[in-house]
Protein backbone atom coordinates (compact mmCIF):
# COMPACT_ATOMS: atom_id res chain seq x y z
CA MET A 1 -14.70 4.07 28.91
CA ILE A 2 -17.56 5.60 26.95
CA GLY A 3 -18.68 3.38 24.08
CA ILE A 4 -20.57 3.81 20.82
CA LYS A 5 -23.89 3.13 22.53
CA GLN A 6 -23.28 5.91 25.06
CA ILE A 7 -22.11 8.29 22.32
CA LYS A 8 -25.31 7.72 20.36
CA GLU A 9 -27.43 8.11 23.50
CA LYS A 10 -25.98 11.57 24.07
CA LYS A 11 -27.60 12.75 20.86
CA ALA A 12 -30.96 11.37 21.98
CA LYS A 13 -30.57 13.12 25.34
CA GLN A 14 -29.41 16.33 23.58
CA GLU A 15 -26.18 16.20 25.55
CA ARG A 16 -23.33 17.80 23.64
CA ILE A 17 -20.32 15.63 22.83
CA THR A 18 -16.76 16.90 23.28
CA MET A 19 -13.87 15.90 21.04
CA LEU A 20 -10.32 17.16 20.64
CA THR A 21 -7.40 16.11 18.49
CA ALA A 22 -4.51 14.54 20.39
CA TYR A 23 -1.05 13.50 19.28
CA ASP A 24 0.99 12.79 22.43
CA TYR A 25 0.91 11.10 25.82
CA PHE A 26 0.88 14.06 28.20
CA THR A 27 -1.73 16.15 26.36
CA ALA A 28 -3.99 13.09 26.07
CA LYS A 29 -3.57 12.50 29.79
CA LEU A 30 -4.79 16.02 30.53
CA MET A 31 -7.72 15.64 28.16
CA GLU A 32 -8.86 12.47 29.91
CA GLU A 33 -8.49 14.17 33.28
CA ALA A 34 -10.64 17.06 31.99
CA GLY A 35 -13.36 14.64 30.92
CA ILE A 36 -13.15 15.01 27.14
CA GLU A 37 -15.22 12.09 25.86
CA THR A 38 -13.61 11.37 22.49
CA LEU A 39 -10.10 11.97 21.17
CA LEU A 40 -9.17 12.11 17.50
CA VAL A 41 -5.65 11.24 16.42
CA GLY A 42 -6.02 13.34 13.33
CA ASP A 43 -3.94 13.51 10.19
CA SER A 44 -3.86 17.21 11.09
CA LEU A 45 -0.60 16.17 12.76
CA GLY A 46 0.85 16.73 9.31
CA ASN A 47 0.21 20.45 9.80
CA VAL A 48 0.68 21.02 13.52
CA PHE A 49 3.28 18.35 14.36
CA LYS A 50 5.29 17.90 11.15
CA GLY A 51 4.96 21.46 9.88
CA GLU A 52 3.61 20.48 6.48
CA GLY A 53 1.26 22.65 4.45
CA ASN A 54 -1.33 19.88 4.22
CA THR A 55 -2.14 16.40 5.52
CA LEU A 56 -1.23 14.40 2.43
CA SER A 57 2.19 13.17 3.59
CA VAL A 58 0.92 11.54 6.78
CA THR A 59 1.35 7.76 6.81
CA VAL A 60 -0.43 4.89 8.53
CA ASP A 61 2.73 4.21 10.54
CA GLU A 62 2.73 7.79 11.82
CA ILE A 63 -0.92 7.60 12.86
CA ILE A 64 -0.16 4.34 14.67
CA TYR A 65 2.82 5.90 16.46
CA HIS A 66 0.78 8.84 17.73
CA THR A 67 -2.27 6.72 18.55
CA LYS A 68 -0.15 4.46 20.76
CA ALA A 69 1.12 7.51 22.66
CA VAL A 70 -2.39 8.91 23.05
CA ARG A 71 -3.71 5.56 24.26
CA LYS A 72 -1.06 5.44 26.99
CA GLY A 73 -2.09 8.91 28.13
CA ALA A 74 -5.83 8.28 27.91
CA PRO A 75 -6.42 4.58 28.62
CA ASN A 76 -10.09 5.13 29.46
CA THR A 77 -11.10 7.46 26.63
CA PHE A 78 -12.73 6.60 23.28
CA ILE A 79 -10.04 7.16 20.64
CA ILE A 80 -10.62 7.60 16.92
CA ALA A 81 -7.69 7.27 14.51
CA ASP A 82 -7.66 9.01 11.15
CA MET A 83 -7.07 6.93 8.05
CA PRO A 84 -4.47 8.89 6.08
CA PHE A 85 -4.57 9.85 2.42
CA MET A 86 -4.43 6.80 0.10
CA SER A 87 -4.85 4.31 2.96
CA TYR A 88 -8.46 3.58 1.92
CA HIS A 89 -8.58 4.67 -1.71
CA LEU A 90 -7.28 1.72 -3.73
CA ASN A 91 -9.18 -1.42 -2.78
CA THR A 92 -11.12 -2.99 0.06
CA THR A 93 -8.30 -5.37 1.01
CA ASP A 94 -5.77 -2.60 1.68
CA THR A 95 -8.47 -0.57 3.39
CA LYS A 96 -9.30 -3.41 5.79
CA ILE A 97 -5.63 -4.04 6.59
CA ASN A 98 -4.90 -0.37 7.27
CA ALA A 99 -7.99 0.05 9.44
CA ALA A 100 -7.12 -3.10 11.38
CA ARG A 101 -3.58 -1.86 12.03
CA LEU A 102 -4.92 1.33 13.59
CA ILE A 103 -7.00 -0.77 15.96
CA ILE A 104 -4.54 -3.61 16.70
CA GLU A 105 -1.22 -1.75 16.69
CA GLY A 106 -2.39 1.74 17.58
CA GLY A 107 -5.03 0.86 20.15
CA ALA A 108 -7.79 2.99 18.64
CA ASN A 109 -11.47 2.26 19.21
CA ALA A 110 -12.59 3.42 15.77
CA VAL A 111 -11.27 4.87 12.51
CA LYS A 112 -12.27 7.95 10.52
CA LEU A 113 -12.22 8.45 6.79
CA GLU A 114 -13.15 11.35 4.52
CA GLY A 115 -15.73 11.59 1.76
CA GLY A 116 -19.18 10.32 0.87
CA SER A 117 -18.85 9.13 -2.72
CA GLN A 118 -19.97 5.66 -3.73
CA SER A 119 -16.41 4.36 -3.51
CA ARG A 120 -16.15 5.71 0.05
CA ILE A 121 -19.43 4.01 0.94
CA GLU A 122 -17.92 0.75 -0.28
CA MET A 123 -14.85 1.27 1.92
CA ILE A 124 -16.97 2.11 4.98
CA LYS A 125 -18.88 -1.13 4.52
CA SER A 126 -15.68 -3.13 4.06
CA ILE A 127 -14.24 -1.78 7.31
CA LEU A 128 -17.47 -2.51 9.15
CA ASP A 129 -17.26 -6.03 7.76
CA CYS A 130 -14.16 -6.38 9.96
CA GLU A 131 -16.20 -5.28 13.00
CA ILE A 132 -14.31 -1.96 13.13
CA PRO A 133 -16.43 1.12 13.94
CA VAL A 134 -16.26 3.96 11.41
CA VAL A 135 -16.58 7.73 11.73
CA ALA A 136 -17.32 9.57 8.47
CA HIS A 137 -16.09 13.07 7.56
CA LEU A 138 -17.86 15.43 5.15
CA GLY A 139 -17.78 19.10 4.20
CA LEU A 140 -14.26 20.40 3.97
CA THR A 141 -12.15 17.27 3.56
CA PRO A 142 -8.47 18.26 3.86
CA GLN A 143 -7.25 15.18 1.99
CA SER A 144 -9.04 16.55 -1.09
CA ILE A 145 -6.98 19.76 -1.13
CA ALA A 146 -5.42 18.94 -4.51
CA LYS A 147 -8.92 18.74 -6.00
CA ILE A 148 -10.71 21.59 -4.21
CA GLY A 149 -7.66 23.88 -4.38
CA ASP A 150 -8.17 25.73 -1.09
CA PHE A 151 -9.43 25.34 2.45
CA LYS A 152 -12.79 27.03 2.02
CA VAL A 153 -16.36 26.71 3.27
CA GLN A 154 -18.29 23.92 1.56
CA GLY A 155 -22.01 23.68 0.81
CA ARG A 156 -22.68 27.37 0.31
CA GLN A 157 -24.49 26.82 -2.96
CA GLU A 158 -27.82 24.96 -2.92
CA GLU A 159 -26.56 22.22 -5.22
CA GLU A 160 -23.54 21.59 -2.99
CA ALA A 161 -25.71 21.62 0.14
CA VAL A 162 -28.14 19.07 -1.31
CA LYS A 163 -25.21 16.84 -2.29
CA LEU A 164 -23.75 17.00 1.23
CA ILE A 165 -27.10 16.12 2.78
CA GLU A 166 -27.42 13.11 0.49
CA GLN A 167 -23.86 12.02 1.27
CA ALA A 168 -24.55 12.37 4.99
CA LYS A 169 -27.57 10.08 4.63
CA SER A 170 -25.46 7.64 2.64
CA VAL A 171 -22.67 7.33 5.22
CA GLU A 172 -25.27 6.81 7.94
CA GLN A 173 -27.00 4.10 5.91
CA ALA A 174 -23.61 2.50 5.23
CA GLY A 175 -23.14 2.12 8.98
CA ALA A 176 -20.99 5.02 10.17
CA PHE A 177 -21.86 5.66 13.82
CA MET A 178 -20.74 9.30 13.83
CA LEU A 179 -20.10 12.09 11.31
CA VAL A 180 -17.56 14.90 11.51
CA LEU A 181 -18.88 17.89 9.54
CA GLU A 182 -16.29 20.53 8.72
CA ALA A 183 -16.53 24.11 7.46
CA VAL A 184 -20.14 24.37 6.28
CA PRO A 185 -22.75 27.11 6.81
CA GLU A 186 -24.51 26.93 10.16
CA LYS A 187 -27.91 26.34 8.53
CA LEU A 188 -26.57 23.26 6.74
CA GLY A 189 -24.93 21.97 9.92
CA LYS A 190 -28.25 22.31 11.72
CA GLU A 191 -30.21 20.58 8.96
CA ILE A 192 -27.85 17.61 8.77
CA SER A 193 -27.82 17.27 12.56
CA GLU A 194 -31.62 17.23 12.63
CA THR A 195 -31.91 14.86 9.66
CA LEU A 196 -29.52 12.13 10.75
CA SER A 197 -29.94 9.86 13.76
CA ILE A 198 -26.18 9.50 14.33
CA PRO A 199 -24.22 12.22 16.21
CA ILE A 200 -22.83 15.08 14.12
CA ILE A 201 -19.58 16.56 15.40
CA GLY A 202 -18.99 20.03 14.02
CA ILE A 203 -15.80 21.91 13.33
CA GLY A 204 -16.73 25.20 11.76
CA ALA A 205 -20.28 23.88 11.24
CA GLY A 206 -22.10 26.21 13.61
CA ARG A 207 -23.84 26.00 16.96
CA TYR A 208 -26.43 23.32 16.30
CA THR A 209 -24.42 20.14 15.79
CA ASP A 210 -24.45 17.39 18.42
CA GLY A 211 -20.88 18.09 19.49
CA GLN A 212 -17.73 19.99 18.67
CA VAL A 213 -14.14 19.13 17.82
CA LEU A 214 -11.11 21.41 17.69
CA VAL A 215 -7.48 20.88 16.85
CA ILE A 216 -5.74 21.13 20.22
CA ASN A 217 -3.11 23.51 18.83
CA ASP A 218 -5.86 25.98 17.91
CA LEU A 219 -7.32 25.74 21.41
CA ILE A 220 -3.99 26.56 23.10
CA GLY A 221 -2.79 29.19 20.62
CA LEU A 222 0.02 27.16 19.08
CA SER A 223 -1.10 27.26 15.45
CA ASP A 224 0.42 29.37 12.69
CA TYR A 225 -3.09 30.22 11.48
CA GLN A 226 -6.36 30.56 13.40
CA ALA A 227 -9.48 29.90 11.36
CA LYS A 228 -12.59 31.96 12.10
CA PHE A 229 -14.36 29.01 13.72
CA THR A 230 -11.59 28.36 16.27
CA LYS A 231 -11.09 29.93 19.68
CA ILE A 232 -7.97 30.27 21.80
CA PHE A 233 -9.04 29.11 25.26
CA VAL A 234 -5.56 29.48 26.74
CA ASP A 235 -2.70 31.22 24.93
CA LEU A 236 0.45 29.20 25.59
CA LYS A 237 2.48 30.76 22.80
CA LYS A 238 3.55 33.85 24.74
CA GLY A 239 4.21 31.92 27.94
CA LEU A 240 6.38 29.36 26.16
CA LEU A 241 8.29 32.00 24.24
CA ASP A 242 8.93 34.06 27.39
CA GLY A 243 10.12 30.98 29.27
CA ILE A 244 12.49 29.94 26.49
CA LYS A 245 13.91 33.48 26.30
CA ASP A 246 14.42 33.54 30.08
CA TYR A 247 16.28 30.23 29.90
CA TYR A 248 18.48 31.55 27.08
CA ASN A 249 19.36 34.70 29.02
CA GLU A 250 20.09 32.91 32.30
CA VAL A 251 22.39 30.38 30.64
CA LYS A 252 24.22 33.13 28.75
CA GLN A 253 24.65 35.17 31.93
CA GLY A 254 25.67 32.21 34.09
CA GLU A 255 22.56 32.46 36.27
CA PHE A 256 21.41 28.92 35.52
CA PRO A 257 21.92 26.45 37.02
CA LYS A 258 22.01 27.89 40.52
CA LYS A 259 23.15 26.05 43.64
CA ALA A 260 19.58 24.78 44.17
CA ASN A 261 19.68 23.12 40.74
CA THR A 262 22.98 21.29 41.32
CA TYR A 263 23.61 17.80 42.67
CA TYR A 264 26.23 17.81 45.47
CA PRO A 265 27.52 21.37 45.08
CA ILE A 266 31.30 21.49 45.46
CA ASP A 267 31.25 23.86 48.44
CA ASP A 268 28.74 21.65 50.28
CA THR A 269 30.75 18.44 50.45
CA LYS A 270 34.13 17.35 51.67
CA SER A 271 33.95 14.05 49.82
CA LYS A 272 35.93 13.37 46.72
CA ILE A 273 34.52 14.34 43.33
CA GLY A 274 32.29 11.62 41.98
CA VAL A 275 31.76 9.96 45.36
């Protein structure tokens, strides 16, 4: 399994880091087989798994459930579990307990939390005090949707960009070993990647970050909405829909199951039924 030391070394060697979100056993198994180095059990499952309009309803128990499934599918891959909304906002004690549950019960190697305010810095330090590795997340932070009002590019104005750079420095100084940077101008993504010594994983942050992460549903064409920064590498939507329609038609027309799909067809045995 790749560890934090190896992840950091990839930045020094200018070797790009791959990350994908994962929510289930079989998909995680394929990702490990493909060589993806880091998997994120993201609270994006609220959107792509639960069908919610945002991530705010996701619970610690749900993240644990999905992390356990992903761990079974990818036993040798570095797995990061998202800390859901309000699981690290109230006090350091609750934050430590929730982070520990993701590691102990879920089987994650690290946790991720959003934001770079002073209170977030305090929470990062408290988690690290439990010897739990932390990934930070800046730029577009989906858990802040009620405050920011819309999923839009962050750091376009100079004042915002300067603030994000300072927050990036702060999370690094607090001890985060990696930073996910979401939906910022490419120039800002490049500057932060060059300024910080820890790896920067971009999602909609341009071509110059140390690695990239995508939501798996965007990669395979199973999202209701495709953001500009995503790419469909294989479109499963049409294939799945066609297959389901074929099944429907064959059942309706009595074409499925055929003899080849039947255990002990009646005309092939002289034994009694059920024997």
